[in-house]
Amino acid sequence: MIAVADAAPAVRDVTSVTTYAWWVQLTEKPLPAPLAEREWAVLPLGLQPGLPALEALLHDGEPVGPILCCPRHRKLYVPVAAESQRSLMGERLGVRRGRDLSCPFDQRHRGGCDGRLWLLPADPRHLTDLVALADRMVRVRSARSVAAACA
């Protein structure tokens, strides 16, 4: 089990726990295979609902590719097919042009991000399918809403 914690615990004590046995590349570079050889676009997501949705894909046997994680901003950057950027769903979800892995930074983080790492599934040869991921994000949100209503 991997816990991805907020880089500034004095500000917030937020941890996102994953139950999937991810491989971890502790440095941002080099790009993990298959990203170095392919064209791709990027879907930025928050750790929540991003990580549960990605785990739902893996649980359902859907291919998931490498995921860049920024613990400081609690963001995930999911490489998806390059043509996703030009699709209606890609535009609606905010898919960015290929290889744009930049993090937003504000006055507190002028130095940029440190400690970003790659989460790699057992078979990282694929890119994550945007449509399948969007579907799982809707399902995860719905399940959370039902759980909150029942609590």
C-alpha atoms as a PDB file:
ATOM      1  CA  MET A   1       0.000   0.000   0.000  1.00  0.00           C
ATOM      2  CA  ILE A   2       1.276   3.464  -0.908  1.00  0.00           C
ATOM      3  CA  ALA A   3       0.221   6.634   0.853  1.00  0.00           C
ATOM      4  CA  VAL A   4       0.582   9.844  -1.123  1.00  0.00           C
ATOM      5  CA  ALA A   5       0.725  12.644   1.419  1.00  0.00           C
ATOM      6  CA  ASP A   6       0.425  16.375   1.081  1.00  0.00           C
ATOM      7  CA  ALA A   7       3.873  17.966   0.854  1.00  0.00           C
ATOM      8  CA  ALA A   8       2.874  20.741   3.292  1.00  0.00           C
ATOM      9  CA  PRO A   9       1.393  18.968   6.338  1.00  0.00           C
ATOM     10  CA  ALA A  10       1.453  22.195   8.353  1.00  0.00           C
ATOM     11  CA  VAL A  11      -1.141  23.610   5.967  1.00  0.00           C
ATOM     12  CA  ARG A  12      -3.230  20.443   5.509  1.00  0.00           C
ATOM     13  CA  ASP A  13      -2.971  16.894   6.638  1.00  0.00           C
ATOM     14  CA  VAL A  14      -4.389  15.145   3.582  1.00  0.00           C
ATOM     15  CA  THR A  15      -3.423  11.643   2.563  1.00  0.00           C
ATOM     16  CA  SER A  16      -4.713   9.644  -0.357  1.00  0.00           C
ATOM     17  CA  VAL A  17      -4.275   5.929   0.120  1.00  0.00           C
ATOM     18  CA  THR A  18      -4.107   3.486  -2.736  1.00  0.00           C
ATOM     19  CA  THR A  19      -4.648  -0.238  -2.414  1.00  0.00           C
ATOM     20  CA  TYR A  20      -3.146  -1.053  -5.816  1.00  0.00           C
ATOM     21  CA  ALA A  21       0.475  -2.237  -5.824  1.00  0.00           C
ATOM     22  CA  TRP A  22       1.920   0.533  -8.016  1.00  0.00           C
ATOM     23  CA  TRP A  23       5.537   0.486  -9.095  1.00  0.00           C
ATOM     24  CA  VAL A  24       7.081   3.857  -8.299  1.00  0.00           C
ATOM     25  CA  GLN A  25       9.714   5.761 -10.278  1.00  0.00           C
ATOM     26  CA  LEU A  26      10.947   8.342  -7.775  1.00  0.00           C
ATOM     27  CA  THR A  27      12.208  10.760 -10.401  1.00  0.00           C
ATOM     28  CA  GLU A  28      10.335  12.629 -13.086  1.00  0.00           C
ATOM     29  CA  LYS A  29      12.932  11.888 -15.762  1.00  0.00           C
ATOM     30  CA  PRO A  30      13.491   9.861 -17.788  1.00  0.00           C
ATOM     31  CA  LEU A  31       9.966   9.378 -19.062  1.00  0.00           C
ATOM     32  CA  PRO A  32       8.798   5.833 -18.439  1.00  0.00           C
ATOM     33  CA  ALA A  33       8.279   3.555 -21.405  1.00  0.00           C
ATOM     34  CA  PRO A  34       6.031   3.806 -23.501  1.00  0.00           C
ATOM     35  CA  LEU A  35       5.865   7.604 -23.193  1.00  0.00           C
ATOM     36  CA  ALA A  36       9.271   8.297 -24.706  1.00  0.00           C
ATOM     37  CA  GLU A  37       8.300   6.601 -27.990  1.00  0.00           C
ATOM     38  CA  ARG A  38       4.699   7.844 -28.390  1.00  0.00           C
ATOM     39  CA  GLU A  39       2.671  10.959 -28.931  1.00  0.00           C
ATOM     40  CA  TRP A  40       0.251  11.698 -26.098  1.00  0.00           C
ATOM     41  CA  ALA A  41      -1.804  14.372 -24.369  1.00  0.00           C
ATOM     42  CA  VAL A  42      -2.281  14.949 -20.627  1.00  0.00           C
ATOM     43  CA  LEU A  43      -5.365  14.923 -18.414  1.00  0.00           C
ATOM     44  CA  PRO A  44      -4.710  16.754 -15.121  1.00  0.00           C
ATOM     45  CA  LEU A  45      -6.741  15.371 -12.199  1.00  0.00           C
ATOM     46  CA  GLY A  46      -6.923  15.839  -8.460  1.00  0.00           C
ATOM     47  CA  LEU A  47      -5.818  12.897  -6.344  1.00  0.00           C
ATOM     48  CA  GLN A  48      -9.520  12.565  -5.548  1.00  0.00           C
ATOM     49  CA  PRO A  49     -11.386  11.311  -7.626  1.00  0.00           C
ATOM     50  CA  GLY A  50      -8.434  10.529  -9.912  1.00  0.00           C
ATOM     51  CA  LEU A  51      -6.732   7.783  -7.923  1.00  0.00           C
ATOM     52  CA  PRO A  52      -9.934   5.851  -7.083  1.00  0.00           C
ATOM     53  CA  ALA A  53     -11.060   6.090 -10.724  1.00  0.00           C
ATOM     54  CA  LEU A  54      -7.698   4.766 -11.977  1.00  0.00           C
ATOM     55  CA  GLU A  55      -7.871   1.924  -9.471  1.00  0.00           C
ATOM     56  CA  ALA A  56     -11.404   1.124 -10.647  1.00  0.00           C
ATOM     57  CA  LEU A  57     -10.057   0.849 -14.208  1.00  0.00           C
ATOM     58  CA  LEU A  58      -7.322  -1.521 -13.066  1.00  0.00           C
ATOM     59  CA  HIS A  59      -9.813  -3.568 -11.048  1.00  0.00           C
ATOM     60  CA  ASP A  60     -12.000  -3.900 -14.174  1.00  0.00           C
ATOM     61  CA  GLY A  61      -9.020  -5.110 -16.228  1.00  0.00           C
ATOM     62  CA  GLU A  62      -8.775  -1.906 -18.305  1.00  0.00           C
ATOM     63  CA  PRO A  63      -5.266  -0.791 -19.324  1.00  0.00           C
ATOM     64  CA  VAL A  64      -3.759   2.088 -17.371  1.00  0.00           C
ATOM     65  CA  GLY A  65      -0.502   3.746 -18.304  1.00  0.00           C
ATOM     66  CA  PRO A  66       2.077   5.638 -16.267  1.00  0.00           C
ATOM     67  CA  ILE A  67       0.697   8.439 -14.067  1.00  0.00           C
ATOM     68  CA  LEU A  68       2.754  11.432 -12.912  1.00  0.00           C
ATOM     69  CA  CYS A  69       1.932  12.339  -9.304  1.00  0.00           C
ATOM     70  CA  CYS A  70       2.621  15.731  -7.696  1.00  0.00           C
ATOM     71  CA  PRO A  71       2.215  15.299  -3.924  1.00  0.00           C
ATOM     72  CA  ARG A  72       2.691  19.048  -3.328  1.00  0.00           C
ATOM     73  CA  HIS A  73      -0.369  20.033  -5.365  1.00  0.00           C
ATOM     74  CA  ARG A  74      -2.190  16.717  -4.851  1.00  0.00           C
ATOM     75  CA  LYS A  75      -2.452  16.342  -8.630  1.00  0.00           C
ATOM     76  CA  LEU A  76      -2.179  13.486 -11.081  1.00  0.00           C
ATOM     77  CA  TYR A  77      -1.157  13.939 -14.711  1.00  0.00           C
ATOM     78  CA  VAL A  78      -2.557  11.108 -16.813  1.00  0.00           C
ATOM     79  CA  PRO A  79      -1.094  10.568 -20.305  1.00  0.00           C
ATOM     80  CA  VAL A  80      -3.890   9.744 -22.772  1.00  0.00           C
ATOM     81  CA  ALA A  81      -4.041   9.305 -26.550  1.00  0.00           C
ATOM     82  CA  ALA A  82      -2.961  12.455 -28.418  1.00  0.00           C
ATOM     83  CA  GLU A  83      -6.267  12.682 -30.303  1.00  0.00           C
ATOM     84  CA  SER A  84      -8.095  12.989 -26.949  1.00  0.00           C
ATOM     85  CA  GLN A  85      -7.161  16.670 -26.793  1.00  0.00           C
ATOM     86  CA  ARG A  86      -9.229  17.405 -29.890  1.00  0.00           C
ATOM     87  CA  SER A  87     -12.264  15.369 -28.814  1.00  0.00           C
ATOM     88  CA  LEU A  88     -15.326  16.946 -27.210  1.00  0.00           C
ATOM     89  CA  MET A  89     -14.772  14.969 -24.026  1.00  0.00           C
ATOM     90  CA  GLY A  90     -11.098  15.923 -23.976  1.00  0.00           C
ATOM     91  CA  GLU A  91     -11.953  19.608 -24.322  1.00  0.00           C
ATOM     92  CA  ARG A  92     -14.587  19.351 -21.601  1.00  0.00           C
ATOM     93  CA  LEU A  93     -12.237  17.581 -19.180  1.00  0.00           C
ATOM     94  CA  GLY A  94      -9.301  19.908 -19.870  1.00  0.00           C
ATOM     95  CA  VAL A  95      -6.931  17.579 -21.701  1.00  0.00           C
ATOM     96  CA  ARG A  96      -3.736  19.497 -22.484  1.00  0.00           C
ATOM     97  CA  ARG A  97      -1.409  19.223 -25.447  1.00  0.00           C
ATOM     98  CA  GLY A  98       1.114  16.441 -25.482  1.00  0.00           C
ATOM     99  CA  ARG A  99       3.908  16.229 -22.983  1.00  0.00           C
ATOM    100  CA  ASP A 100       2.680  19.250 -20.969  1.00  0.00           C
ATOM    101  CA  LEU A 101       3.355  17.917 -17.490  1.00  0.00           C
ATOM    102  CA  SER A 102       3.686  21.321 -15.838  1.00  0.00           C
ATOM    103  CA  CYS A 103       2.101  21.923 -12.445  1.00  0.00           C
ATOM    104  CA  PRO A 104       0.303  25.092 -11.522  1.00  0.00           C
ATOM    105  CA  PHE A 105       2.238  27.066  -9.011  1.00  0.00           C
ATOM    106  CA  ASP A 106       1.311  30.038  -6.941  1.00  0.00           C
ATOM    107  CA  GLN A 107       3.086  32.569  -4.722  1.00  0.00           C
ATOM    108  CA  ARG A 108       3.913  29.881  -2.146  1.00  0.00           C
ATOM    109  CA  HIS A 109       5.558  27.556  -4.680  1.00  0.00           C
ATOM    110  CA  ARG A 110       7.680  29.830  -6.853  1.00  0.00           C
ATOM    111  CA  GLY A 111      10.395  27.205  -7.027  1.00  0.00           C
ATOM    112  CA  GLY A 112       8.098  24.795  -8.835  1.00  0.00           C
ATOM    113  CA  CYS A 113       7.419  21.255  -7.781  1.00  0.00           C
ATOM    114  CA  ASP A 114       9.815  18.908  -6.138  1.00  0.00           C
ATOM    115  CA  GLY A 115       9.255  15.288  -5.330  1.00  0.00           C
ATOM    116  CA  ARG A 116       7.073  14.451  -8.323  1.00  0.00           C
ATOM    117  CA  LEU A 117       7.061  10.752  -9.114  1.00  0.00           C
ATOM    118  CA  TRP A 118       5.648   8.279 -11.603  1.00  0.00           C
ATOM    119  CA  LEU A 119       3.094   5.689 -10.524  1.00  0.00           C
ATOM    120  CA  LEU A 120       3.416   2.698 -12.825  1.00  0.00           C
ATOM    121  CA  PRO A 121       0.897  -0.128 -13.096  1.00  0.00           C
ATOM    122  CA  ALA A 122       2.119  -3.708 -13.414  1.00  0.00           C
ATOM    123  CA  ASP A 123       1.934  -3.416 -17.229  1.00  0.00           C
ATOM    124  CA  PRO A 124       2.666   0.229 -18.173  1.00  0.00           C
ATOM    125  CA  ARG A 125       2.814  -0.363 -21.961  1.00  0.00           C
ATOM    126  CA  HIS A 126      -0.506   1.359 -22.617  1.00  0.00           C
ATOM    127  CA  LEU A 127      -1.928   4.837 -22.373  1.00  0.00           C
ATOM    128  CA  THR A 128      -4.989   5.273 -20.181  1.00  0.00           C
ATOM    129  CA  ASP A 129      -8.240   5.394 -22.173  1.00  0.00           C
ATOM    130  CA  LEU A 130      -9.900   8.801 -21.667  1.00  0.00           C
ATOM    131  CA  VAL A 131     -13.484   7.581 -22.176  1.00  0.00           C
ATOM    132  CA  ALA A 132     -13.085   4.673 -19.740  1.00  0.00           C
ATOM    133  CA  LEU A 133     -11.427   6.956 -17.162  1.00  0.00           C
ATOM    134  CA  ALA A 134     -14.197   9.567 -17.450  1.00  0.00           C
ATOM    135  CA  ASP A 135     -16.764   6.801 -16.948  1.00  0.00           C
ATOM    136  CA  ARG A 136     -15.009   5.557 -13.787  1.00  0.00           C
ATOM    137  CA  MET A 137     -14.750   9.110 -12.402  1.00  0.00           C
ATOM    138  CA  VAL A 138     -18.533   9.463 -12.724  1.00  0.00           C
ATOM    139  CA  ARG A 139     -19.035   6.088 -11.024  1.00  0.00           C
ATOM    140  CA  VAL A 140     -16.641   6.964  -8.173  1.00  0.00           C
ATOM    141  CA  ARG A 141     -18.411  10.297  -7.575  1.00  0.00           C
ATOM    142  CA  SER A 142     -21.808   8.573  -7.607  1.00  0.00           C
ATOM    143  CA  ALA A 143     -20.657   5.921  -5.142  1.00  0.00           C
ATOM    144  CA  ARG A 144     -19.292   8.615  -2.823  1.00  0.00           C
ATOM    145  CA  SER A 145     -22.547  10.559  -2.993  1.00  0.00           C
ATOM    146  CA  VAL A 146     -24.547   7.453  -2.100  1.00  0.00           C
ATOM    147  CA  ALA A 147     -22.156   6.583   0.749  1.00  0.00           C
ATOM    148  CA  ALA A 148     -22.344  10.145   2.118  1.00  0.00           C
ATOM    149  CA  ALA A 149     -26.144  10.124   1.951  1.00  0.00           C
ATOM    150  CA  CYS A 150     -26.291   6.825   3.835  1.00  0.00           C
ATOM    151  CA  ALA A 151     -23.861   7.916   6.558  1.00  0.00           C
END
